[in-house]
Amino acid sequence: MQQTLNRRRIVHVTAGLVAAEASGIGATPGFARSGRSGGKRGSAERENKMPDVTPPEDLMREHGVLNRVLLIYEATIRKFAANESFDASVISQAA
């Protein structure tokens, strides 16, 4: 049971990192990006703040990113199985 939970945790964290990287946020998890910056925010920073995303919307976005990455992997597997040439950098960029 503990092994299953550890695998789920790994998959969850990896999926979050992939989604964050794909969306251009970087590798900072959502719980680490709280609004507590320790300093006072200027009015310009408040105006440029991104709108809050609900958890279901965030999950749907992450799901979409993972689907696109899987499509890239599947296309590469098909080319590899058919002995066609493919660009290996596409795989590393998708990861």
PDB file of N, CA and C in Angstrom:
ATOM      1  N   MET A   1       0.826  -1.199   0.000  1.00  0.00           N
ATOM      2  CA  MET A   1       0.000   0.000   0.000  1.00  0.00           C
ATOM      3  C   MET A   1       0.870   1.262   0.000  1.00  0.00           C
ATOM      4  N   GLN A   2       1.930   1.231   0.807  1.00  0.00           N
ATOM      5  CA  GLN A   2       2.819   2.398   0.892  1.00  0.00           C
ATOM      6  C   GLN A   2       3.504   2.643  -0.448  1.00  0.00           C
ATOM      7  N   GLN A   3       3.851   1.564  -1.156  1.00  0.00           N
ATOM      8  CA  GLN A   3       4.512   1.704  -2.445  1.00  0.00           C
ATOM      9  C   GLN A   3       3.585   2.359  -3.467  1.00  0.00           C
ATOM     10  N   THR A   4       2.299   2.010  -3.418  1.00  0.00           N
ATOM     11  CA  THR A   4       1.328   2.604  -4.323  1.00  0.00           C
ATOM     12  C   THR A   4       1.197   4.095  -4.057  1.00  0.00           C
ATOM     13  N   LEU A   5       1.165   4.483  -2.785  1.00  0.00           N
ATOM     14  CA  LEU A   5       1.061   5.896  -2.445  1.00  0.00           C
ATOM     15  C   LEU A   5       2.294   6.664  -2.904  1.00  0.00           C
ATOM     16  N   ASN A   6       3.463   6.059  -2.764  1.00  0.00           N
ATOM     17  CA  ASN A   6       4.688   6.724  -3.212  1.00  0.00           C
ATOM     18  C   ASN A   6       4.684   6.909  -4.726  1.00  0.00           C
ATOM     19  N   ARG A   7       4.210   5.908  -5.464  1.00  0.00           N
ATOM     20  CA  ARG A   7       4.142   6.025  -6.916  1.00  0.00           C
ATOM     21  C   ARG A   7       3.156   7.110  -7.318  1.00  0.00           C
ATOM     22  N   ARG A   8       2.014   7.145  -6.651  1.00  0.00           N
ATOM     23  CA  ARG A   8       1.035   8.185  -6.955  1.00  0.00           C
ATOM     24  C   ARG A   8       1.610   9.564  -6.681  1.00  0.00           C
ATOM     25  N   ARG A   9       2.340   9.693  -5.603  1.00  0.00           N
ATOM     26  CA  ARG A   9       2.959  10.976  -5.253  1.00  0.00           C
ATOM     27  C   ARG A   9       3.956  11.392  -6.331  1.00  0.00           C
ATOM     28  N   ILE A  10       4.758  10.441  -6.787  1.00  0.00           N
ATOM     29  CA  ILE A  10       5.747  10.738  -7.822  1.00  0.00           C
ATOM     30  C   ILE A  10       5.049  11.183  -9.105  1.00  0.00           C
ATOM     31  N   VAL A  11       3.999  10.459  -9.492  1.00  0.00           N
ATOM     32  CA  VAL A  11       3.270  10.815 -10.705  1.00  0.00           C
ATOM     33  C   VAL A  11       2.635  12.189 -10.560  1.00  0.00           C
ATOM     34  N   HIS A  12       2.060  12.464  -9.400  1.00  0.00           N
ATOM     35  CA  HIS A  12       1.403  13.750  -9.169  1.00  0.00           C
ATOM     36  C   HIS A  12       2.404  14.903  -9.238  1.00  0.00           C
ATOM     37  N   VAL A  13       3.532  14.748  -8.574  1.00  0.00           N
ATOM     38  CA  VAL A  13       4.537  15.815  -8.561  1.00  0.00           C
ATOM     39  C   VAL A  13       5.119  16.009  -9.957  1.00  0.00           C
ATOM     40  N   THR A  14       5.398  14.911 -10.653  1.00  0.00           N
ATOM     41  CA  THR A  14       5.947  15.005 -12.001  1.00  0.00           C
ATOM     42  C   THR A  14       4.970  15.689 -12.945  1.00  0.00           C
ATOM     43  N   ALA A  15       3.703  15.307 -12.844  1.00  0.00           N
ATOM     44  CA  ALA A  15       2.690  15.935 -13.696  1.00  0.00           C
ATOM     45  C   ALA A  15       2.595  17.428 -13.421  1.00  0.00           C
ATOM     46  N   GLY A  16       2.667  17.794 -12.160  1.00  0.00           N
ATOM     47  CA  GLY A  16       2.628  19.211 -11.806  1.00  0.00           C
ATOM     48  C   GLY A  16       3.811  19.980 -12.365  1.00  0.00           C
ATOM     49  N   LEU A  17       4.987  19.379 -12.301  1.00  0.00           N
ATOM     50  CA  LEU A  17       6.176  20.042 -12.824  1.00  0.00           C
ATOM     51  C   LEU A  17       6.123  20.176 -14.341  1.00  0.00           C
ATOM     52  N   VAL A  18       5.630  19.145 -15.006  1.00  0.00           N
ATOM     53  CA  VAL A  18       5.498  19.211 -16.463  1.00  0.00           C
ATOM     54  C   VAL A  18       4.518  20.303 -16.852  1.00  0.00           C
ATOM     55  N   ALA A  19       3.396  20.342 -16.161  1.00  0.00           N
ATOM     56  CA  ALA A  19       2.387  21.360 -16.469  1.00  0.00           C
ATOM     57  C   ALA A  19       2.904  22.757 -16.192  1.00  0.00           C
ATOM     58  N   ALA A  20       3.633  22.915 -15.095  1.00  0.00           N
ATOM     59  CA  ALA A  20       4.169  24.230 -14.753  1.00  0.00           C
ATOM     60  C   ALA A  20       5.192  24.682 -15.781  1.00  0.00           C
ATOM     61  N   GLU A  21       6.042  23.778 -16.191  1.00  0.00           N
ATOM     62  CA  GLU A  21       7.070  24.122 -17.169  1.00  0.00           C
ATOM     63  C   GLU A  21       6.440  24.445 -18.517  1.00  0.00           C
ATOM     64  N   ALA A  22       5.426  23.676 -18.905  1.00  0.00           N
ATOM     65  CA  ALA A  22       4.779  23.895 -20.198  1.00  0.00           C
ATOM     66  C   ALA A  22       4.009  25.210 -20.240  1.00  0.00           C
ATOM     67  N   SER A  23       3.485  25.622 -19.099  1.00  0.00           N
ATOM     68  CA  SER A  23       2.726  26.860 -19.078  1.00  0.00           C
ATOM     69  C   SER A  23       3.614  28.081 -18.881  1.00  0.00           C
ATOM     70  N   GLY A  24       4.923  27.862 -18.702  1.00  0.00           N
ATOM     71  CA  GLY A  24       5.850  28.979 -18.575  1.00  0.00           C
ATOM     72  C   GLY A  24       5.974  29.506 -17.163  1.00  0.00           C
ATOM     73  N   ILE A  25       5.401  28.837 -16.208  1.00  0.00           N
ATOM     74  CA  ILE A  25       5.464  29.295 -14.824  1.00  0.00           C
ATOM     75  C   ILE A  25       6.819  28.969 -14.222  1.00  0.00           C
ATOM     76  N   GLY A  26       7.425  27.893 -14.637  1.00  0.00           N
ATOM     77  CA  GLY A  26       8.661  27.423 -14.048  1.00  0.00           C
ATOM     78  C   GLY A  26       8.368  26.215 -13.192  1.00  0.00           C
ATOM     79  N   ALA A  27       9.333  25.786 -12.407  1.00  0.00           N
ATOM     80  CA  ALA A  27       9.172  24.561 -11.644  1.00  0.00           C
ATOM     81  C   ALA A  27       8.725  24.807 -10.214  1.00  0.00           C
ATOM     82  N   THR A  28       8.132  25.927  -9.934  1.00  0.00           N
ATOM     83  CA  THR A  28       7.679  26.218  -8.585  1.00  0.00           C
ATOM     84  C   THR A  28       6.270  25.684  -8.394  1.00  0.00           C
ATOM     85  N   PRO A  29       6.079  24.757  -7.439  1.00  0.00           N
ATOM     86  CA  PRO A  29       4.733  24.226  -7.207  1.00  0.00           C
ATOM     87  C   PRO A  29       3.765  25.314  -6.763  1.00  0.00           C
ATOM     88  N   GLY A  30       2.492  25.083  -7.008  1.00  0.00           N
ATOM     89  CA  GLY A  30       1.460  26.066  -6.685  1.00  0.00           C
ATOM     90  C   GLY A  30       1.406  26.419  -5.215  1.00  0.00           C
ATOM     91  N   PHE A  31       1.628  25.439  -4.333  1.00  0.00           N
ATOM     92  CA  PHE A  31       1.565  25.737  -2.917  1.00  0.00           C
ATOM     93  C   PHE A  31       2.738  26.591  -2.458  1.00  0.00           C
ATOM     94  N   ALA A  32       3.818  26.629  -3.221  1.00  0.00           N
ATOM     95  CA  ALA A  32       4.972  27.444  -2.858  1.00  0.00           C
ATOM     96  C   ALA A  32       4.843  28.874  -3.373  1.00  0.00           C
ATOM     97  N   ARG A  33       3.873  29.117  -4.264  1.00  0.00           N
ATOM     98  CA  ARG A  33       3.692  30.443  -4.827  1.00  0.00           C
ATOM     99  C   ARG A  33       2.540  31.173  -4.143  1.00  0.00           C
ATOM    100  N   SER A  34       2.514  31.152  -2.842  1.00  0.00           N
ATOM    101  CA  SER A  34       1.436  31.854  -2.150  1.00  0.00           C
ATOM    102  C   SER A  34       1.655  33.356  -2.271  1.00  0.00           C
ATOM    103  N   GLY A  35       0.657  34.115  -1.944  1.00  0.00           N
ATOM    104  CA  GLY A  35       0.734  35.559  -2.070  1.00  0.00           C
ATOM    105  C   GLY A  35       1.601  36.216  -1.019  1.00  0.00           C
ATOM    106  N   ARG A  36       2.190  35.452  -0.153  1.00  0.00           N
ATOM    107  CA  ARG A  36       3.022  36.012   0.916  1.00  0.00           C
ATOM    108  C   ARG A  36       4.444  36.210   0.429  1.00  0.00           C
ATOM    109  N   SER A  37       4.751  37.397   0.015  1.00  0.00           N
ATOM    110  CA  SER A  37       6.098  37.666  -0.479  1.00  0.00           C
ATOM    111  C   SER A  37       6.961  38.334   0.581  1.00  0.00           C
ATOM    112  N   GLY A  38       6.378  38.724   1.688  1.00  0.00           N
ATOM    113  CA  GLY A  38       7.146  39.326   2.751  1.00  0.00           C
ATOM    114  C   GLY A  38       7.263  40.835   2.617  1.00  0.00           C
ATOM    115  N   GLY A  39       7.114  41.355   1.436  1.00  0.00           N
ATOM    116  CA  GLY A  39       7.222  42.789   1.226  1.00  0.00           C
ATOM    117  C   GLY A  39       5.907  43.363   0.756  1.00  0.00           C
ATOM    118  N   LYS A  40       5.885  44.703   0.635  1.00  0.00           N
ATOM    119  CA  LYS A  40       4.674  45.350   0.151  1.00  0.00           C
ATOM    120  C   LYS A  40       4.676  45.343  -1.372  1.00  0.00           C
ATOM    121  N   ARG A  41       3.531  45.116  -1.940  1.00  0.00           N
ATOM    122  CA  ARG A  41       3.419  45.105  -3.390  1.00  0.00           C
ATOM    123  C   ARG A  41       3.005  46.478  -3.889  1.00  0.00           C
ATOM    124  N   GLY A  42       3.561  46.827  -5.023  1.00  0.00           N
ATOM    125  CA  GLY A  42       3.195  48.096  -5.631  1.00  0.00           C
ATOM    126  C   GLY A  42       1.890  47.973  -6.381  1.00  0.00           C
ATOM    127  N   SER A  43       1.310  49.107  -6.754  1.00  0.00           N
ATOM    128  CA  SER A  43       0.036  49.075  -7.463  1.00  0.00           C
ATOM    129  C   SER A  43       0.192  48.475  -8.860  1.00  0.00           C
ATOM    130  N   ALA A  44       1.351  48.639  -9.481  1.00  0.00           N
ATOM    131  CA  ALA A  44       1.569  48.078 -10.818  1.00  0.00           C
ATOM    132  C   ALA A  44       1.568  46.555 -10.762  1.00  0.00           C
ATOM    133  N   GLU A  45       2.125  45.994  -9.685  1.00  0.00           N
ATOM    134  CA  GLU A  45       2.154  44.535  -9.566  1.00  0.00           C
ATOM    135  C   GLU A  45       0.751  43.988  -9.336  1.00  0.00           C
ATOM    136  N   ARG A  46      -0.075  44.701  -8.603  1.00  0.00           N
ATOM    137  CA  ARG A  46      -1.455  44.261  -8.375  1.00  0.00           C
ATOM    138  C   ARG A  46      -2.255  44.249  -9.673  1.00  0.00           C
ATOM    139  N   GLU A  47      -2.013  45.225 -10.538  1.00  0.00           N
ATOM    140  CA  GLU A  47      -2.744  45.311 -11.797  1.00  0.00           C
ATOM    141  C   GLU A  47      -2.361  44.184 -12.749  1.00  0.00           C
ATOM    142  N   ASN A  48      -1.106  43.742 -12.720  1.00  0.00           N
ATOM    143  CA  ASN A  48      -0.630  42.702 -13.633  1.00  0.00           C
ATOM    144  C   ASN A  48      -0.810  41.302 -13.077  1.00  0.00           C
ATOM    145  N   LYS A  49      -1.418  41.161 -11.928  1.00  0.00           N
ATOM    146  CA  LYS A  49      -1.596  39.857 -11.300  1.00  0.00           C
ATOM    147  C   LYS A  49      -2.522  38.993 -12.146  1.00  0.00           C
ATOM    148  N   MET A  50      -2.130  37.734 -12.336  1.00  0.00           N
ATOM    149  CA  MET A  50      -2.947  36.807 -13.103  1.00  0.00           C
ATOM    150  C   MET A  50      -4.200  36.451 -12.305  1.00  0.00           C
ATOM    151  N   PRO A  51      -5.313  36.215 -12.975  1.00  0.00           N
ATOM    152  CA  PRO A  51      -6.529  35.854 -12.260  1.00  0.00           C
ATOM    153  C   PRO A  51      -6.378  34.482 -11.610  1.00  0.00           C
ATOM    154  N   ASP A  52      -7.049  34.301 -10.477  1.00  0.00           N
ATOM    155  CA  ASP A  52      -6.991  33.028  -9.781  1.00  0.00           C
ATOM    156  C   ASP A  52      -7.656  31.941 -10.623  1.00  0.00           C
ATOM    157  N   VAL A  53      -7.068  30.775 -10.584  1.00  0.00           N
ATOM    158  CA  VAL A  53      -7.584  29.636 -11.327  1.00  0.00           C
ATOM    159  C   VAL A  53      -8.146  28.649 -10.310  1.00  0.00           C
ATOM    160  N   THR A  54      -9.344  28.177 -10.566  1.00  0.00           N
ATOM    161  CA  THR A  54      -9.956  27.223  -9.651  1.00  0.00           C
ATOM    162  C   THR A  54      -9.254  25.878  -9.770  1.00  0.00           C
ATOM    163  N   PRO A  55      -9.282  25.067  -8.722  1.00  0.00           N
ATOM    164  CA  PRO A  55      -8.636  23.750  -8.784  1.00  0.00           C
ATOM    165  C   PRO A  55      -9.125  22.872  -9.938  1.00  0.00           C
ATOM    166  N   PRO A  56     -10.434  22.817 -10.242  1.00  0.00           N
ATOM    167  CA  PRO A  56     -10.838  21.997 -11.394  1.00  0.00           C
ATOM    168  C   PRO A  56     -10.260  22.506 -12.718  1.00  0.00           C
ATOM    169  N   GLU A  57     -10.189  23.831 -12.884  1.00  0.00           N
ATOM    170  CA  GLU A  57      -9.624  24.400 -14.110  1.00  0.00           C
ATOM    171  C   GLU A  57      -8.134  24.079 -14.201  1.00  0.00           C
ATOM    172  N   ASP A  58      -7.434  24.163 -13.083  1.00  0.00           N
ATOM    173  CA  ASP A  58      -6.015  23.841 -13.050  1.00  0.00           C
ATOM    174  C   ASP A  58      -5.794  22.376 -13.422  1.00  0.00           C
ATOM    175  N   LEU A  59      -6.644  21.510 -12.889  1.00  0.00           N
ATOM    176  CA  LEU A  59      -6.542  20.084 -13.202  1.00  0.00           C
ATOM    177  C   LEU A  59      -6.801  19.823 -14.679  1.00  0.00           C
ATOM    178  N   MET A  60      -7.780  20.510 -15.248  1.00  0.00           N
ATOM    179  CA  MET A  60      -8.076  20.337 -16.668  1.00  0.00           C
ATOM    180  C   MET A  60      -6.909  20.796 -17.532  1.00  0.00           C
ATOM    181  N   ARG A  61      -6.263  21.891 -17.145  1.00  0.00           N
ATOM    182  CA  ARG A  61      -5.106  22.377 -17.904  1.00  0.00           C
ATOM    183  C   ARG A  61      -3.957  21.374 -17.836  1.00  0.00           C
ATOM    184  N   GLU A  62      -3.696  20.853 -16.633  1.00  0.00           N
ATOM    185  CA  GLU A  62      -2.634  19.866 -16.476  1.00  0.00           C
ATOM    186  C   GLU A  62      -2.940  18.614 -17.298  1.00  0.00           C
ATOM    187  N   HIS A  63      -4.186  18.199 -17.315  1.00  0.00           N
ATOM    188  CA  HIS A  63      -4.600  17.032 -18.082  1.00  0.00           C
ATOM    189  C   HIS A  63      -4.354  17.266 -19.579  1.00  0.00           C
ATOM    190  N   GLY A  64      -4.651  18.450 -20.053  1.00  0.00           N
ATOM    191  CA  GLY A  64      -4.415  18.781 -21.446  1.00  0.00           C
ATOM    192  C   GLY A  64      -2.940  18.742 -21.811  1.00  0.00           C
ATOM    193  N   VAL A  65      -2.107  19.244 -20.916  1.00  0.00           N
ATOM    194  CA  VAL A  65      -0.660  19.230 -21.159  1.00  0.00           C
ATOM    195  C   VAL A  65      -0.163  17.793 -21.235  1.00  0.00           C
ATOM    196  N   LEU A  66      -0.608  16.964 -20.292  1.00  0.00           N
ATOM    197  CA  LEU A  66      -0.178  15.569 -20.298  1.00  0.00           C
ATOM    198  C   LEU A  66      -0.652  14.843 -21.550  1.00  0.00           C
ATOM    199  N   ASN A  67      -1.858  15.125 -22.009  1.00  0.00           N
ATOM    200  CA  ASN A  67      -2.358  14.506 -23.239  1.00  0.00           C
ATOM    201  C   ASN A  67      -1.492  14.884 -24.435  1.00  0.00           C
ATOM    202  N   ARG A  68      -1.090  16.160 -24.512  1.00  0.00           N
ATOM    203  CA  ARG A  68      -0.246  16.595 -25.624  1.00  0.00           C
ATOM    204  C   ARG A  68       1.126  15.922 -25.581  1.00  0.00           C
ATOM    205  N   VAL A  69       1.697  15.795 -24.379  1.00  0.00           N
ATOM    206  CA  VAL A  69       2.997  15.134 -24.251  1.00  0.00           C
ATOM    207  C   VAL A  69       2.889  13.666 -24.652  1.00  0.00           C
ATOM    208  N   LEU A  70       1.810  13.000 -24.237  1.00  0.00           N
ATOM    209  CA  LEU A  70       1.624  11.603 -24.616  1.00  0.00           C
ATOM    210  C   LEU A  70       1.456  11.449 -26.128  1.00  0.00           C
ATOM    211  N   LEU A  71       0.793  12.384 -26.768  1.00  0.00           N
ATOM    212  CA  LEU A  71       0.666  12.336 -28.228  1.00  0.00           C
ATOM    213  C   LEU A  71       2.029  12.429 -28.905  1.00  0.00           C
ATOM    214  N   ILE A  72       2.894  13.279 -28.378  1.00  0.00           N
ATOM    215  CA  ILE A  72       4.249  13.406 -28.923  1.00  0.00           C
ATOM    216  C   ILE A  72       5.007  12.098 -28.752  1.00  0.00           C
ATOM    217  N   TYR A  73       4.910  11.499 -27.558  1.00  0.00           N
ATOM    218  CA  TYR A  73       5.594  10.229 -27.314  1.00  0.00           C
ATOM    219  C   TYR A  73       5.064   9.129 -28.232  1.00  0.00           C
ATOM    220  N   GLU A  74       3.749   9.055 -28.401  1.00  0.00           N
ATOM    221  CA  GLU A  74       3.165   8.014 -29.243  1.00  0.00           C
ATOM    222  C   GLU A  74       3.587   8.179 -30.708  1.00  0.00           C
ATOM    223  N   ALA A  75       3.626   9.411 -31.191  1.00  0.00           N
ATOM    224  CA  ALA A  75       4.056   9.649 -32.574  1.00  0.00           C
ATOM    225  C   ALA A  75       5.517   9.241 -32.756  1.00  0.00           C
ATOM    226  N   THR A  76       6.330   9.516 -31.749  1.00  0.00           N
ATOM    227  CA  THR A  76       7.739   9.148 -31.825  1.00  0.00           C
ATOM    228  C   THR A  76       7.904   7.631 -31.790  1.00  0.00           C
ATOM    229  N   ILE A  77       7.106   6.957 -30.970  1.00  0.00           N
ATOM    230  CA  ILE A  77       7.173   5.494 -30.897  1.00  0.00           C
ATOM    231  C   ILE A  77       6.795   4.878 -32.245  1.00  0.00           C
ATOM    232  N   ARG A  78       5.764   5.427 -32.889  1.00  0.00           N
ATOM    233  CA  ARG A  78       5.358   4.911 -34.205  1.00  0.00           C
ATOM    234  C   ARG A  78       6.481   5.085 -35.230  1.00  0.00           C
ATOM    235  N   LYS A  79       7.125   6.242 -35.225  1.00  0.00           N
ATOM    236  CA  LYS A  79       8.230   6.468 -36.165  1.00  0.00           C
ATOM    237  C   LYS A  79       9.399   5.533 -35.872  1.00  0.00           C
ATOM    238  N   PHE A  80       9.684   5.338 -34.586  1.00  0.00           N
ATOM    239  CA  PHE A  80      10.784   4.461 -34.190  1.00  0.00           C
ATOM    240  C   PHE A  80      10.490   3.022 -34.621  1.00  0.00           C
ATOM    241  N   ALA A  81       9.256   2.566 -34.430  1.00  0.00           N
ATOM    242  CA  ALA A  81       8.875   1.193 -34.789  1.00  0.00           C
ATOM    243  C   ALA A  81       8.915   0.983 -36.301  1.00  0.00           C
ATOM    244  N   ALA A  82       8.651   2.031 -37.072  1.00  0.00           N
ATOM    245  CA  ALA A  82       8.662   1.933 -38.532  1.00  0.00           C
ATOM    246  C   ALA A  82      10.036   2.236 -39.124  1.00  0.00           C
ATOM    247  N   ASN A  83      11.054   2.370 -38.280  1.00  0.00           N
ATOM    248  CA  ASN A  83      12.425   2.689 -38.702  1.00  0.00           C
ATOM    249  C   ASN A  83      12.507   3.989 -39.486  1.00  0.00           C
ATOM    250  N   GLU A  84      11.629   4.944 -39.184  1.00  0.00           N
ATOM    251  CA  GLU A  84      11.693   6.263 -39.801  1.00  0.00           C
ATOM    252  C   GLU A  84      12.584   7.157 -38.954  1.00  0.00           C
ATOM    253  N   SER A  85      13.102   8.200 -39.559  1.00  0.00           N
ATOM    254  CA  SER A  85      13.940   9.121 -38.794  1.00  0.00           C
ATOM    255  C   SER A  85      13.031  10.081 -37.990  1.00  0.00           C
ATOM    256  N   PHE A  86      13.535  10.482 -36.836  1.00  0.00           N
ATOM    257  CA  PHE A  86      12.820  11.439 -36.006  1.00  0.00           C
ATOM    258  C   PHE A  86      13.828  12.261 -35.228  1.00  0.00           C
ATOM    259  N   ASP A  87      13.402  13.403 -34.817  1.00  0.00           N
ATOM    260  CA  ASP A  87      14.269  14.310 -34.071  1.00  0.00           C
ATOM    261  C   ASP A  87      14.203  13.971 -32.588  1.00  0.00           C
ATOM    262  N   ALA A  88      15.313  13.532 -32.012  1.00  0.00           N
ATOM    263  CA  ALA A  88      15.356  13.129 -30.611  1.00  0.00           C
ATOM    264  C   ALA A  88      15.164  14.311 -29.667  1.00  0.00           C
ATOM    265  N   SER A  89      15.447  15.521 -30.137  1.00  0.00           N
ATOM    266  CA  SER A  89      15.287  16.684 -29.265  1.00  0.00           C
ATOM    267  C   SER A  89      13.808  16.948 -28.946  1.00  0.00           C
ATOM    268  N   VAL A  90      12.919  16.471 -29.818  1.00  0.00           N
ATOM    269  CA  VAL A  90      11.484  16.637 -29.569  1.00  0.00           C
ATOM    270  C   VAL A  90      11.080  15.915 -28.287  1.00  0.00           C
ATOM    271  N   ILE A  91      11.664  14.734 -28.067  1.00  0.00           N
ATOM    272  CA  ILE A  91      11.354  13.968 -26.865  1.00  0.00           C
ATOM    273  C   ILE A  91      11.849  14.712 -25.622  1.00  0.00           C
ATOM    274  N   SER A  92      13.081  15.202 -25.675  1.00  0.00           N
ATOM    275  CA  SER A  92      13.616  15.893 -24.500  1.00  0.00           C
ATOM    276  C   SER A  92      12.887  17.210 -24.250  1.00  0.00           C
ATOM    277  N   GLN A  93      12.451  17.899 -25.299  1.00  0.00           N
ATOM    278  CA  GLN A  93      11.688  19.123 -25.113  1.00  0.00           C
ATOM    279  C   GLN A  93      10.311  18.847 -24.532  1.00  0.00           C
ATOM    280  N   ALA A  94       9.719  17.726 -24.922  1.00  0.00           N
ATOM    281  CA  ALA A  94       8.397  17.371 -24.380  1.00  0.00           C
ATOM    282  C   ALA A  94       8.503  17.041 -22.901  1.00  0.00           C
ATOM    283  N   ALA A  95       9.610  16.401 -22.517  1.00  0.00           N
ATOM    284  CA  ALA A  95       9.794  16.057 -21.105  1.00  0.00           C
ATOM    285  C   ALA A  95      10.007  17.315 -20.307  1.00  0.00           C
TER     286      ALA A  95
END
